[in-house]
């Protein structure tokens, strides 16, 4: 079993400046143009429109047009200039290493807006993940505007279940352990109570089968509630 744990006091693989959330539909449309995606990838290190055009074997004027659009939308930022052959070239660099398209972009069609009664369904897990992504995208951008650091935690583990019985026992044990940890180390929170004492947090926990190319995916066995 391998476990990846990222805590505020540690060194995360992606820090706040490395991930930007796209909340605006117009910005998302700007980024999702196939050529513009290529341009942003080419601009992970400081470069110019001329250099990108040469690497992509495209006319400089065409690339320069898309570079300006990406810069106007905030996906590229100035990285100085360089004189080459008596010409001054503007250099650009991507404003983040990675981007996340927030579920809010789908409006009422987003899966995170729906509730699923079956907690063991894939739809319920997708809904929880979409809700978490939407909320985290919003709070991340708000924290960036205020130059604040977010206290977050990420936990990931890879393992195998030898049988459905073992999977059911794991589910039951995890539910009990989680309830105990929450009871011992947190305070109850109800939005209806008004202003809470302390900062509210949300914990989302999910487990799903992964697809491996060397073996058929374990998708036929539906994990039901522990019996």
Protein backbone atom coordinates (compact mmCIF):
# COMPACT_ATOMS: atom_id res chain seq x y z
CA UNK A 1 0.00 0.00 0.00
CA UNK A 2 1.26 3.48 -0.84
CA UNK A 3 0.00 6.59 0.92
CA UNK A 4 0.43 10.19 -0.21
CA UNK A 5 -0.23 12.80 2.45
CA UNK A 6 0.00 16.56 1.85
CA UNK A 7 -0.39 18.85 4.86
CA UNK A 8 -0.02 22.62 5.26
CA UNK A 9 3.26 22.27 7.14
CA UNK A 10 4.80 20.07 4.46
CA UNK A 11 5.91 20.72 0.91
CA UNK A 12 2.99 20.01 -1.45
CA UNK A 13 3.59 18.91 -4.99
CA UNK A 14 1.44 21.79 -6.26
CA UNK A 15 1.24 24.99 -4.23
CA UNK A 16 -1.41 27.70 -4.61
CA UNK A 17 0.48 29.72 -7.28
CA UNK A 18 0.93 26.55 -9.34
CA UNK A 19 -2.78 25.83 -9.80
CA UNK A 20 -5.31 28.34 -11.07
CA UNK A 21 -9.05 27.71 -11.14
CA UNK A 22 -11.04 28.84 -14.17
CA UNK A 23 -14.45 30.03 -13.00
CA UNK A 24 -15.45 32.30 -15.89
CA UNK A 25 -17.01 30.71 -19.02
CA UNK A 26 -15.35 33.24 -21.33
CA UNK A 27 -11.91 32.43 -19.91
CA UNK A 28 -12.60 28.72 -20.22
CA UNK A 29 -13.56 29.17 -23.87
CA UNK A 30 -10.35 31.09 -24.47
CA UNK A 31 -8.19 28.35 -22.98
CA UNK A 32 -9.92 25.34 -24.56
CA UNK A 33 -9.04 26.30 -28.12
CA UNK A 34 -6.73 23.42 -29.22
CA UNK A 35 -3.95 25.67 -30.51
CA UNK A 36 -4.06 27.85 -27.41
CA UNK A 37 -3.64 24.79 -25.21
CA UNK A 38 -0.51 23.93 -27.20
CA UNK A 39 0.78 27.49 -26.86
CA UNK A 40 0.35 27.51 -23.08
CA UNK A 41 2.14 24.16 -22.86
CA UNK A 42 5.01 25.59 -24.90
CA UNK A 43 5.15 28.59 -22.54
CA UNK A 44 5.90 26.65 -19.37
CA UNK A 45 9.29 28.33 -19.64
CA UNK A 46 9.75 31.91 -20.83
CA UNK A 47 9.49 32.09 -24.61
CA UNK A 48 8.32 34.32 -27.45
CA UNK A 49 5.58 33.99 -30.03
CA UNK A 50 8.27 33.64 -32.69
CA UNK A 51 9.91 30.72 -30.89
CA UNK A 52 6.57 29.01 -30.31
CA UNK A 53 5.64 29.45 -33.96
CA UNK A 54 8.91 27.84 -35.03
CA UNK A 55 8.40 24.85 -32.73
CA UNK A 56 4.83 24.34 -33.90
CA UNK A 57 5.69 25.06 -37.55
CA UNK A 58 3.00 27.75 -37.77
CA UNK A 59 2.99 31.35 -39.08
CA UNK A 60 4.24 33.81 -36.47
CA UNK A 61 1.28 36.14 -37.03
CA UNK A 62 -1.20 33.37 -36.26
CA UNK A 63 0.58 32.36 -33.06
CA UNK A 64 0.99 35.98 -32.00
CA UNK A 65 -2.78 36.51 -32.31
CA UNK A 66 -3.50 33.63 -29.97
CA UNK A 67 -0.71 34.68 -27.58
CA UNK A 68 -2.36 38.08 -27.19
CA UNK A 69 -5.73 36.45 -26.51
CA UNK A 70 -4.19 34.21 -23.85
CA UNK A 71 -2.38 37.14 -22.27
CA UNK A 72 -5.58 39.22 -22.18
CA UNK A 73 -7.32 36.33 -20.40
CA UNK A 74 -4.52 35.96 -17.86
CA UNK A 75 -3.15 32.60 -19.00
CA UNK A 76 0.16 34.12 -20.13
CA UNK A 77 2.11 36.82 -18.35
CA UNK A 78 5.03 39.00 -19.49
CA UNK A 79 8.48 37.52 -18.94
CA UNK A 80 10.68 40.33 -20.18
CA UNK A 81 11.96 40.90 -23.69
CA UNK A 82 14.89 39.96 -25.85
CA UNK A 83 16.61 41.66 -28.77
CA UNK A 84 17.18 39.37 -31.73
CA UNK A 85 18.32 40.50 -35.17
CA UNK A 86 17.70 44.15 -34.27
CA UNK A 87 14.14 43.30 -33.23
CA UNK A 88 12.73 43.35 -29.72
CA UNK A 89 10.71 40.23 -28.93
CA UNK A 90 8.27 40.08 -26.06
CA UNK A 91 8.64 36.97 -23.97
CA UNK A 92 5.81 35.22 -22.21
CA UNK A 93 5.40 32.52 -19.60
CA UNK A 94 2.36 30.57 -18.44
CA UNK A 95 0.79 32.15 -15.35
CA UNK A 96 0.38 28.73 -13.69
CA UNK A 97 1.65 25.19 -14.07
CA UNK A 98 -1.84 23.71 -14.15
CA UNK A 99 -5.44 24.83 -14.47
CA UNK A 100 -8.69 23.42 -13.16
CA UNK A 101 -12.02 23.99 -14.88
CA UNK A 102 -14.50 24.57 -12.07
CA UNK A 103 -17.77 22.57 -12.14
CA UNK A 104 -19.63 25.90 -11.83
CA UNK A 105 -19.02 26.35 -15.55
CA UNK A 106 -21.80 23.80 -16.21
CA UNK A 107 -24.35 25.75 -14.19
CA UNK A 108 -27.44 23.70 -13.41
CA UNK A 109 -26.10 20.77 -15.44
CA UNK A 110 -23.25 20.15 -13.01
CA UNK A 111 -23.41 16.82 -11.20
CA UNK A 112 -22.39 18.43 -7.91
CA UNK A 113 -25.78 20.14 -7.67
CA UNK A 114 -27.65 16.84 -7.39
CA UNK A 115 -27.96 14.50 -4.43
CA UNK A 116 -27.85 10.72 -4.73
CA UNK A 117 -29.58 8.53 -2.17
CA UNK A 118 -27.26 5.58 -2.83
CA UNK A 119 -23.96 6.47 -1.15
CA UNK A 120 -22.34 3.45 -2.85
CA UNK A 121 -23.07 4.64 -6.39
CA UNK A 122 -20.51 6.18 -8.74
CA UNK A 123 -22.90 9.09 -9.26
CA UNK A 124 -22.85 9.91 -5.55
CA UNK A 125 -19.06 9.91 -5.48
CA UNK A 126 -18.84 12.06 -8.62
CA UNK A 127 -21.33 14.48 -7.08
CA UNK A 128 -19.27 14.77 -3.89
CA UNK A 129 -16.05 15.29 -5.84
CA UNK A 130 -17.64 17.92 -8.08
CA UNK A 131 -19.00 19.75 -5.05
CA UNK A 132 -15.59 19.67 -3.39
CA UNK A 133 -13.89 20.89 -6.56
CA UNK A 134 -16.40 23.72 -6.97
CA UNK A 135 -16.07 24.86 -3.37
CA UNK A 136 -12.29 24.56 -3.35
CA UNK A 137 -12.05 26.49 -6.61
CA UNK A 138 -14.07 29.33 -5.12
CA UNK A 139 -12.19 29.50 -1.82
CA UNK A 140 -8.82 29.20 -3.60
CA UNK A 141 -9.52 32.19 -5.80
CA UNK A 142 -10.85 34.16 -2.81
CA UNK A 143 -7.70 33.36 -0.83
CA UNK A 144 -5.53 34.36 -3.79
CA UNK A 145 -7.26 37.73 -3.99
CA UNK A 146 -6.57 38.32 -0.28
CA UNK A 147 -3.06 36.79 -0.45
CA UNK A 148 -4.02 34.20 2.17
CA UNK A 149 -2.80 30.63 2.67
CA UNK A 150 -5.39 27.86 2.71
CA UNK A 151 -5.20 25.16 5.37
CA UNK A 152 -5.96 22.00 3.40
CA UNK A 153 -5.13 18.32 3.61
CA UNK A 154 -4.91 15.65 0.91
CA UNK A 155 -4.73 11.92 1.54
CA UNK A 156 -4.43 9.22 -1.11
CA UNK A 157 -3.80 5.49 -0.76
CA UNK A 158 -3.50 2.61 -3.23
CA UNK A 159 -4.35 -0.95 -2.18
CA UNK A 160 -6.20 -4.10 -3.23
CA UNK A 161 -9.20 -6.02 -1.91
CA UNK A 162 -8.88 -9.78 -2.01
CA UNK A 163 -12.66 -10.31 -1.89
CA UNK A 164 -15.99 -8.48 -1.61
CA UNK A 165 -16.10 -9.61 2.02
CA UNK A 166 -12.82 -7.86 2.74
CA UNK A 167 -14.07 -4.75 0.97
CA UNK A 168 -17.24 -4.72 3.08
CA UNK A 169 -15.23 -5.11 6.29
CA UNK A 170 -12.97 -2.26 5.21
CA UNK A 171 -15.99 -0.03 4.56
CA UNK A 172 -17.49 -0.74 7.95
CA UNK A 173 -14.19 -0.27 9.77
CA UNK A 174 -13.50 2.98 7.95
CA UNK A 175 -16.91 4.39 8.84
CA UNK A 176 -16.41 3.57 12.52
CA UNK A 177 -12.86 4.96 12.62
CA UNK A 178 -13.87 8.14 10.81
CA UNK A 179 -16.79 8.77 13.16
CA UNK A 180 -14.48 8.32 16.16
CA UNK A 181 -11.83 10.72 14.83
CA UNK A 182 -14.41 13.38 14.01
CA UNK A 183 -16.03 13.03 17.44
CA UNK A 184 -12.69 13.25 19.27
CA UNK A 185 -10.93 15.99 17.33
CA UNK A 186 -13.58 18.38 15.98
CA UNK A 187 -16.57 20.42 17.08
CA UNK A 188 -20.09 20.01 15.65
CA UNK A 189 -21.03 22.46 12.91
CA UNK A 190 -24.48 23.39 11.68
CA UNK A 191 -24.83 26.34 9.26
CA UNK A 192 -28.21 27.08 10.86
CA UNK A 193 -26.47 27.88 14.15
CA UNK A 194 -25.19 31.16 12.76
CA UNK A 195 -21.59 32.29 13.19
CA UNK A 196 -19.64 29.22 14.40
CA UNK A 197 -16.78 29.23 16.89
CA UNK A 198 -13.80 28.26 14.78
CA UNK A 199 -13.43 27.77 11.05
CA UNK A 200 -15.72 25.22 9.35
CA UNK A 201 -14.13 22.54 7.17
CA UNK A 202 -15.56 19.82 4.93
CA UNK A 203 -14.15 16.30 4.64
CA UNK A 204 -14.82 14.27 1.51
CA UNK A 205 -13.81 10.62 1.40
CA UNK A 206 -14.24 8.26 -1.52
CA UNK A 207 -12.93 4.97 -2.82
CA UNK A 208 -13.14 3.61 -6.36
CA UNK A 209 -11.61 0.88 -8.55
CA UNK A 210 -8.80 1.93 -10.86
CA UNK A 211 -8.38 0.72 -14.42
CA UNK A 212 -5.14 -1.11 -15.16
CA UNK A 213 -4.00 -1.78 -18.70
CA UNK A 214 -2.43 -5.10 -17.72
CA UNK A 215 -5.66 -6.53 -16.31
CA UNK A 216 -9.38 -6.05 -16.95
CA UNK A 217 -10.96 -3.38 -14.73
CA UNK A 218 -12.89 -4.58 -11.69
CA UNK A 219 -16.09 -2.84 -12.65
CA UNK A 220 -18.55 -5.73 -12.64
CA UNK A 221 -18.69 -6.14 -8.86
CA UNK A 222 -20.79 -3.40 -7.32
CA UNK A 223 -19.60 -2.46 -3.79
CA UNK A 224 -22.70 -2.56 -1.64
CA UNK A 225 -23.17 -1.53 1.95
CA UNK A 226 -21.57 -3.75 4.58
CA UNK A 227 -23.81 -6.55 5.79
